[in-house]
Amino acid sequence: KKRPLELQRCAMEVLAAITLTVAYWDCKLRSAGSLTEGDAEWEQLTVQLHTAQAELEEEQVGEAILEAYNSAAVSSLNTSRDSLASQLREGASLIMGAMASFLPQVAALLATNHAITGLISVASDEGMVTASTLRGEWASRRLAMLEASAVILVGGWKVIQKSASNDNGQSQKDNTESISSRNWGNGGGNFGNRHGNDNSSTSSSLDLLLEALDGGIIPLVSHIIDSQIEYDEDNKACSSIRVKIACCHIIAAIFGICECDKTNIGFVRLYEAIEVNSSNWGHQSGNMRNSNARGGGNGQNLITSAVSLLQSTANEAKHYAAHEHVSGSTLPLLRLVEANLLCLGSICGAAACSFSSSSRDTASEEDESALLLAPLNKNHEYLSQVQMACISVCDVITKNSFLSSALVGIFGEGSVI
């Protein structure tokens, strides 16, 4: 903390490079699943990753990064200026997002210490839309904050989802001994041993959701999802696509937490925030700076915008897939389509957190079984909105030949589930 800011920034860049590399290979390893068994190179990589993760945890890097993020003073007079303090925060956000993806205890630490509020606040500032010095022209400075927020919220979704599936597994234990040759009862029991106090898990995820809503997550993601992508310049297009991907993951996690919340408090607060945001209160001329307080809005309907995004992106992705080899462009459009499908699936009531091609979030057959047991919350008062969203999404998918084939041919069965 007392070191020169330039030195802190350099150290943050080194740590960001290390943690992002560990997160990348951890994701690859989990995606490969049982295919790595008996492969010497993969087994060696597994040992190296576990060693690196243990050292990061032992050195309490998560705590140090959170402190550095909170202590970095950024001038509120000119937030578009990419100062050393701003770069320090961006680097810290990169590390938080990376570490939370492979160390659940870091995700829990960030949630407990209310990191989500600070991340949303900084990402909501229009000064943060400028290009990142750390990552290059293809990424905006707010991207790291949005990605970290997404990882934290998705972590909360997984926790409450496993808690809900465990409860459901216990209640069905006598009636459901075997379904499709899988021993579902054992899966539920394993989760019970792993999480201990399910009520505490549910409460912490709901608290995280409410904190995000109070912090202004709905106006922020609505504004970004509704914004146009400038395809004329690859760097600008890539920057817009990446922030939209992060926002789709955030939306998926928010609705997913509500779906698993038996109290319905989450749904009430979420739809209240969506309705307030749609009412155009406290927002003028597209500026997000003062619209992140509860009660503000920007006139955009989050659900409608998410459906429109799928339609427009699918059309562009179809054209892009046909001409990519000619132009040499590498825009992550298919990743956006997949993230958008995950987001809309969650809005429509999907109980399982499934990232089909980017990673396998469940490591074992028992885990997958328990996730699919998570009960659908079909009794909340906003069921009509969910049904309308389902109709709109199905309409887009069935009328778009590219989407219909991509669901299985590109993204795999996880997207269909």
Foldseek 3Di string as FASTA:
>chain_A
DPDDLVVLLVVLLVLLVVLQVLLQVVQVLQFCFPVCPPPPVSVVVVVVSVVVLVVCVVVVVLVVLLVLLVPLDDDPVQLLDCDSSLSSNLSSLSNLLSSVSPPVVSLVVCLVVLVLLVLLLSLLAPSQQQADPSPDLLATSSLSSLSSNLSSLLSLLLLLLLLLLLVLLVVCVVPPCDDPNDRQNVLSVVSCVVNVDSVVSLVSSLVSLVSNLQSQLVQSLLLLLQDDADPVDLSSNSHSLSSNLSSLSNLLSLLLSCFSRPVNPSVVSVVVSQVLQLVQAPDPDSRSNGQRHRNRHHNGRRLVSLLVSLLVLLVVVVVCVVCCVPVVRDRPSVSSNQSSLSSLCSLLFDNANFQQNSGGPDNDPSNVSSSNSRDGPCPDPCNVVSVVSVVSNVVSQVVRPSNVCCQPVPRHPSSVD
